[in-house]
């Protein structure tokens, strides 16, 4: 079992350095190393290339959650056209719409005085909107007051899911989102000619969303009728970061730099490591489970949920 303590992670890193250093002295060391690697589950796969891996400073302040769904949402614009498409075309259009999926957490009091909690899922209203939304998000361009001003994206409600139970921090896996950028640089230095850089950010939580089965009754219909926040569509616009958000993101980046510098100094043996580093959390904002909506599985005896530090130098 992997030791997730800071000392255990540092030990694993040092062991990996010792393992890889023996390949540095040979002309074909990198290829020899790649040939020696084995996939943990599929023996037919082989490593063919290696990338330098760094924390993604630009995305570090974002919060990511991995969602698994027992029933995938389908866009409304395909519901009446299902018979007009073959299975492959239907999947292509559905995946196109899901690329821009929007979640909306909800809570309300029903006719019995009980709090109901669930998550609403919204998808683009048509193929053109789905294509525009995906293209705009994938461009990665910052907000532009000219091209983005007054541009709306209409989303239709597709499905509802039960609010998931808060994950146990002790049982969470180390999950990361890794992106590869052929033109990226590290600290202003190129990773080398034709050598891409890989960057990672932690995924804070992983949850399973189960399809919500609402009671089909007049009382339930009355609950929806009386719900002032009940909607079936959303009109969304892009906006720039607020000044407060800019400061929060800068603070997260600075804390990340401080932790990395401390680990480098500690690894060099020049200074003892800060004993409080295990409790350092460089998160900005909360995840799905740190909101104003109280989770039904949360501890109600006054103890707060402690999220594990999101910076993990594990290899």
Protein backbone atom coordinates (compact mmCIF):
# COMPACT_ATOMS: atom_id res chain seq x y z
CA UNK A 1 0.00 0.00 0.00
CA UNK A 2 1.32 3.43 -0.92
CA UNK A 3 2.31 5.67 2.01
CA UNK A 4 0.46 8.98 1.45
CA UNK A 5 2.22 10.86 4.24
CA UNK A 6 4.58 13.62 3.13
CA UNK A 7 7.56 11.53 4.24
CA UNK A 8 6.21 8.53 2.32
CA UNK A 9 5.68 10.55 -0.84
CA UNK A 10 9.15 12.08 -0.61
CA UNK A 11 10.62 8.62 -0.09
CA UNK A 12 8.77 7.33 -3.17
CA UNK A 13 10.07 10.25 -5.23
CA UNK A 14 13.64 9.65 -4.10
CA UNK A 15 13.30 5.94 -4.88
CA UNK A 16 12.00 6.76 -8.35
CA UNK A 17 14.99 9.08 -8.92
CA UNK A 18 17.35 6.28 -7.87
CA UNK A 19 15.58 3.85 -10.20
CA UNK A 20 15.65 6.18 -13.20
CA UNK A 21 19.17 7.54 -12.67
CA UNK A 22 20.75 4.29 -13.87
CA UNK A 23 19.38 4.97 -17.33
CA UNK A 24 21.03 8.42 -17.57
CA UNK A 25 24.49 7.01 -18.20
CA UNK A 26 23.54 5.06 -21.31
CA UNK A 27 23.06 6.63 -24.80
CA UNK A 28 19.72 4.88 -25.28
CA UNK A 29 18.70 5.28 -21.66
CA UNK A 30 15.26 6.82 -22.21
CA UNK A 31 14.20 4.21 -24.76
CA UNK A 32 15.56 1.46 -22.53
CA UNK A 33 13.53 2.84 -19.66
CA UNK A 34 10.37 2.99 -21.77
CA UNK A 35 10.86 -0.61 -22.86
CA UNK A 36 11.17 -1.69 -19.23
CA UNK A 37 7.84 -0.14 -18.18
CA UNK A 38 4.82 -2.44 -17.92
CA UNK A 39 1.17 -1.47 -17.96
CA UNK A 40 -0.52 -2.50 -14.68
CA UNK A 41 -3.51 -4.21 -16.34
CA UNK A 42 -2.83 -4.67 -20.07
CA UNK A 43 0.41 -6.49 -20.92
CA UNK A 44 -0.01 -5.74 -24.65
CA UNK A 45 0.47 -1.97 -24.17
CA UNK A 46 3.92 -0.39 -24.34
CA UNK A 47 5.19 3.05 -23.38
CA UNK A 48 6.47 4.92 -26.43
CA UNK A 49 7.21 8.43 -25.14
CA UNK A 50 7.89 10.28 -21.89
CA UNK A 51 7.04 13.88 -20.93
CA UNK A 52 8.27 16.21 -18.19
CA UNK A 53 5.43 16.61 -15.66
CA UNK A 54 4.70 19.85 -13.78
CA UNK A 55 1.81 21.32 -11.76
CA UNK A 56 -0.52 23.35 -13.99
CA UNK A 57 -0.32 26.82 -12.48
CA UNK A 58 -3.03 28.24 -14.74
CA UNK A 59 -5.63 25.64 -13.72
CA UNK A 60 -4.52 25.00 -10.13
CA UNK A 61 -7.12 27.32 -8.61
CA UNK A 62 -9.97 25.49 -10.38
CA UNK A 63 -11.98 22.81 -8.62
CA UNK A 64 -12.51 19.51 -10.44
CA UNK A 65 -14.81 16.59 -9.62
CA UNK A 66 -15.01 13.33 -11.56
CA UNK A 67 -18.64 12.32 -12.11
CA UNK A 68 -19.90 8.84 -12.92
CA UNK A 69 -23.55 8.56 -13.95
CA UNK A 70 -25.74 5.50 -13.81
CA UNK A 71 -27.80 6.96 -16.67
CA UNK A 72 -26.20 9.39 -19.11
CA UNK A 73 -28.19 12.54 -19.92
CA UNK A 74 -29.40 12.87 -23.50
CA UNK A 75 -30.00 16.26 -25.14
CA UNK A 76 -33.61 17.19 -25.71
CA UNK A 77 -32.99 18.06 -29.35
CA UNK A 78 -32.30 14.35 -30.04
CA UNK A 79 -35.33 12.94 -28.24
CA UNK A 80 -37.66 13.39 -31.22
CA UNK A 81 -35.01 12.47 -33.80
CA UNK A 82 -33.71 9.25 -32.28
CA UNK A 83 -35.15 7.17 -35.11
CA UNK A 84 -33.63 9.43 -37.77
CA UNK A 85 -30.02 8.72 -36.77
CA UNK A 86 -28.02 5.55 -36.72
CA UNK A 87 -26.37 4.60 -33.43
CA UNK A 88 -22.98 6.07 -34.33
CA UNK A 89 -24.38 9.46 -35.38
CA UNK A 90 -26.63 9.61 -32.32
CA UNK A 91 -23.65 8.95 -30.04
CA UNK A 92 -21.59 11.63 -31.79
CA UNK A 93 -24.27 14.28 -31.29
CA UNK A 94 -24.98 13.23 -27.70
CA UNK A 95 -21.26 13.36 -26.82
CA UNK A 96 -21.01 16.76 -28.51
CA UNK A 97 -23.76 18.09 -26.24
CA UNK A 98 -22.29 16.49 -23.11
CA UNK A 99 -18.99 18.28 -23.67
CA UNK A 100 -20.68 21.43 -22.32
CA UNK A 101 -22.83 19.83 -19.62
CA UNK A 102 -23.93 22.13 -16.76
CA UNK A 103 -24.85 20.97 -13.23
CA UNK A 104 -27.18 22.91 -10.94
CA UNK A 105 -27.41 21.77 -7.27
CA UNK A 106 -30.89 22.22 -5.81
CA UNK A 107 -32.57 22.11 -2.40
CA UNK A 108 -36.17 22.82 -1.46
CA UNK A 109 -38.70 21.95 1.21
CA UNK A 110 -41.49 19.62 0.09
CA UNK A 111 -45.10 19.46 1.23
CA UNK A 112 -44.06 17.31 4.21
CA UNK A 113 -41.66 19.94 5.46
CA UNK A 114 -38.64 17.82 4.48
CA UNK A 115 -35.61 19.12 2.60
CA UNK A 116 -35.12 17.55 -0.82
CA UNK A 117 -31.68 17.77 -2.39
CA UNK A 118 -30.76 16.86 -5.94
CA UNK A 119 -28.72 17.95 -8.96
CA UNK A 120 -30.19 19.16 -12.23
CA UNK A 121 -28.35 18.53 -15.50
CA UNK A 122 -28.59 20.92 -18.46
CA UNK A 123 -27.42 20.37 -22.06
CA UNK A 124 -27.30 22.69 -25.11
CA UNK A 125 -30.68 23.23 -26.76
CA UNK A 126 -29.52 22.21 -30.25
CA UNK A 127 -26.54 20.98 -32.24
CA UNK A 128 -25.48 24.47 -33.28
CA UNK A 129 -25.38 25.68 -29.67
CA UNK A 130 -23.48 22.56 -28.61
CA UNK A 131 -20.90 23.14 -31.34
CA UNK A 132 -20.52 26.84 -30.49
CA UNK A 133 -20.14 26.13 -26.78
CA UNK A 134 -17.57 23.39 -27.28
CA UNK A 135 -15.54 25.40 -29.78
CA UNK A 136 -15.51 28.44 -27.48
CA UNK A 137 -14.48 26.45 -24.40
CA UNK A 138 -11.81 24.45 -26.22
CA UNK A 139 -10.26 27.60 -27.66
CA UNK A 140 -9.04 28.54 -24.17
CA UNK A 141 -9.11 32.21 -25.16
CA UNK A 142 -9.73 34.74 -22.38
CA UNK A 143 -13.00 36.63 -22.21
CA UNK A 144 -13.29 39.21 -24.98
CA UNK A 145 -15.59 42.19 -24.47
CA UNK A 146 -16.26 42.44 -28.19
CA UNK A 147 -16.76 38.85 -29.37
CA UNK A 148 -18.23 37.44 -26.13
CA UNK A 149 -20.40 40.35 -25.05
CA UNK A 150 -24.15 39.59 -25.25
CA UNK A 151 -23.52 36.08 -26.67
CA UNK A 152 -25.92 33.65 -25.01
CA UNK A 153 -25.98 29.87 -24.91
CA UNK A 154 -29.38 28.28 -24.27
CA UNK A 155 -29.32 25.05 -22.22
CA UNK A 156 -32.31 22.78 -21.62
CA UNK A 157 -32.83 20.62 -18.54
CA UNK A 158 -32.16 17.01 -19.44
CA UNK A 159 -32.13 14.92 -16.27
CA UNK A 160 -32.11 15.04 -12.48
CA UNK A 161 -29.84 13.10 -10.12
CA UNK A 162 -29.91 12.41 -6.41
CA UNK A 163 -27.44 14.44 -4.38
CA UNK A 164 -24.45 12.12 -3.81
CA UNK A 165 -23.21 11.31 -0.34
CA UNK A 166 -20.11 13.20 0.71
CA UNK A 167 -17.03 11.06 -0.08
CA UNK A 168 -14.88 9.87 2.78
CA UNK A 169 -11.60 11.78 2.56
CA UNK A 170 -9.66 8.79 3.84
CA UNK A 171 -11.01 6.58 1.04
CA UNK A 172 -10.36 8.99 -1.82
CA UNK A 173 -8.00 7.98 -4.57
CA UNK A 174 -5.22 10.15 -5.95
CA UNK A 175 -6.87 11.45 -9.13
CA UNK A 176 -5.30 13.95 -11.50
CA UNK A 177 -6.22 15.60 -14.77
CA UNK A 178 -3.22 15.66 -17.10
CA UNK A 179 -2.94 17.78 -20.23
CA UNK A 180 -0.13 17.72 -22.78
CA UNK A 181 0.96 20.90 -24.53
CA UNK A 182 3.56 20.67 -27.29
CA UNK A 183 4.24 24.42 -27.04
CA UNK A 184 4.39 24.63 -23.23
CA UNK A 185 7.38 25.82 -21.24
CA UNK A 186 8.37 25.32 -17.63
CA UNK A 187 9.30 28.45 -15.68
CA UNK A 188 10.05 30.21 -18.93
CA UNK A 189 12.38 27.46 -20.18
CA UNK A 190 11.48 25.31 -23.12
CA UNK A 191 11.27 21.60 -22.40
CA UNK A 192 13.43 21.04 -25.48
CA UNK A 193 12.88 20.83 -29.22
CA UNK A 194 9.79 18.83 -30.13
CA UNK A 195 9.41 17.70 -26.51
CA UNK A 196 5.92 18.31 -25.09
CA UNK A 197 5.29 19.23 -21.46
CA UNK A 198 2.62 17.47 -19.40
CA UNK A 199 0.82 19.42 -16.69
CA UNK A 200 -1.45 18.14 -13.93
CA UNK A 201 -4.08 19.37 -11.50
CA UNK A 202 -5.71 17.34 -8.71
CA UNK A 203 -9.29 16.11 -9.01
CA UNK A 204 -10.78 16.81 -5.59
CA UNK A 205 -13.49 14.15 -5.53
CA UNK A 206 -15.11 11.33 -7.48
CA UNK A 207 -18.82 10.63 -7.09
CA UNK A 208 -21.56 8.50 -8.62
CA UNK A 209 -24.74 10.31 -9.68
CA UNK A 210 -27.87 8.18 -9.59
CA UNK A 211 -30.95 9.04 -11.62
CA UNK A 212 -33.55 10.81 -9.47
CA UNK A 213 -36.96 9.17 -9.52
CA UNK A 214 -39.47 11.81 -8.51
CA UNK A 215 -42.84 10.76 -7.15
CA UNK A 216 -45.46 11.28 -9.85
CA UNK A 217 -48.24 12.74 -7.79
CA UNK A 218 -50.30 15.86 -7.55
CA UNK A 219 -48.43 16.80 -4.37
CA UNK A 220 -45.09 16.59 -6.20
CA UNK A 221 -46.50 18.66 -9.06
CA UNK A 222 -47.66 21.20 -6.51
CA UNK A 223 -44.14 21.29 -5.02
CA UNK A 224 -42.75 22.17 -8.44
CA UNK A 225 -45.48 24.71 -9.06
CA UNK A 226 -44.70 26.42 -5.73
CA UNK A 227 -40.94 26.28 -6.29
CA UNK A 228 -39.74 29.81 -7.25
CA UNK A 229 -36.45 28.36 -8.54
CA UNK A 230 -38.01 25.74 -10.80
CA UNK A 231 -36.78 26.23 -14.37
CA UNK A 232 -36.50 24.12 -17.52
CA UNK A 233 -33.82 26.13 -19.35
CA UNK A 234 -30.80 28.35 -18.75
CA UNK A 235 -29.40 31.23 -20.80
CA UNK A 236 -25.66 31.41 -20.08
CA UNK A 237 -23.05 34.03 -20.94
CA UNK A 238 -19.29 34.06 -20.50
CA UNK A 239 -17.78 36.69 -18.22
CA UNK A 240 -14.35 37.79 -17.13
CA UNK A 241 -12.86 36.99 -13.70
CA UNK A 242 -13.82 39.40 -10.97
CA UNK A 243 -11.07 41.20 -9.06
CA UNK A 244 -11.71 38.97 -6.04
CA UNK A 245 -11.38 35.83 -8.18
CA UNK A 246 -8.15 37.13 -9.71
CA UNK A 247 -6.69 37.66 -6.24
CA UNK A 248 -7.82 34.21 -5.09
CA UNK A 249 -6.20 32.54 -8.08
CA UNK A 250 -2.97 34.47 -7.55
CA UNK A 251 -2.98 33.44 -3.88
CA UNK A 252 -3.42 29.77 -4.83
CA UNK A 253 -0.53 30.00 -7.29
CA UNK A 254 1.70 31.67 -4.69
CA UNK A 255 0.93 29.00 -2.09
CA UNK A 256 1.73 26.32 -4.66
CA UNK A 257 5.10 27.98 -5.32
CA UNK A 258 5.83 28.18 -1.58
CA UNK A 259 5.17 24.47 -1.09
CA UNK A 260 7.31 23.50 -4.07
CA UNK A 261 10.17 25.72 -2.89
CA UNK A 262 9.97 24.22 0.57
CA UNK A 263 10.11 20.68 -0.82
CA UNK A 264 13.13 21.58 -2.97
CA UNK A 265 14.98 23.11 0.01
CA UNK A 266 14.08 20.14 2.20
CA UNK A 267 15.21 17.63 -0.44
CA UNK A 268 18.56 19.43 -0.73
CA UNK A 269 19.10 19.04 3.03
CA UNK A 270 19.58 22.77 3.58
CA UNK A 271 16.63 23.22 5.93
CA UNK A 272 14.27 21.09 8.03
CA UNK A 273 10.80 20.70 6.61
CA UNK A 274 7.92 22.66 8.14
CA UNK A 275 6.04 20.23 10.37
CA UNK A 276 2.77 22.00 9.56
CA UNK A 277 3.10 21.32 5.82
CA UNK A 278 0.83 18.29 6.02
CA UNK A 279 -2.05 20.62 6.87
CA UNK A 280 -1.38 23.14 4.14
CA UNK A 281 -4.30 23.36 1.75
CA UNK A 282 -3.92 25.43 -1.39
CA UNK A 283 -7.51 25.02 -2.52
CA UNK A 284 -9.51 28.00 -3.71
CA UNK A 285 -13.21 27.76 -2.99
CA UNK A 286 -14.92 24.46 -2.32
CA UNK A 287 -15.91 21.40 -4.23
CA UNK A 288 -19.39 20.01 -4.74
CA UNK A 289 -19.53 19.11 -1.05
CA UNK A 290 -18.44 22.47 0.38
CA UNK A 291 -21.49 24.55 -0.42
CA UNK A 292 -24.41 26.09 1.38
CA UNK A 293 -26.39 22.89 0.78
CA UNK A 294 -26.05 20.63 3.78
CA UNK A 295 -25.31 17.08 2.74
CA UNK A 296 -27.61 14.43 4.24
CA UNK A 297 -24.60 12.25 5.00
CA UNK A 298 -22.64 14.98 6.75
CA UNK A 299 -21.72 14.88 10.40
CA UNK A 300 -24.27 16.82 12.43
CA UNK A 301 -22.48 16.75 15.78
CA UNK A 302 -20.55 19.94 15.17
CA UNK A 303 -17.44 18.39 13.60
CA UNK A 304 -16.48 19.81 10.24
CA UNK A 305 -15.37 17.83 7.22
CA UNK A 306 -11.62 18.19 6.59
CA UNK A 307 -10.50 17.90 3.02
CA UNK A 308 -7.06 16.44 2.42
CA UNK A 309 -4.39 18.76 0.99
CA UNK A 310 -4.75 19.01 -2.76
CA UNK A 311 -1.01 19.30 -3.44
CA UNK A 312 0.43 15.83 -3.74
CA UNK A 313 3.97 15.33 -4.99
CA UNK A 314 3.43 11.62 -5.47
CA UNK A 315 4.95 10.33 -8.74
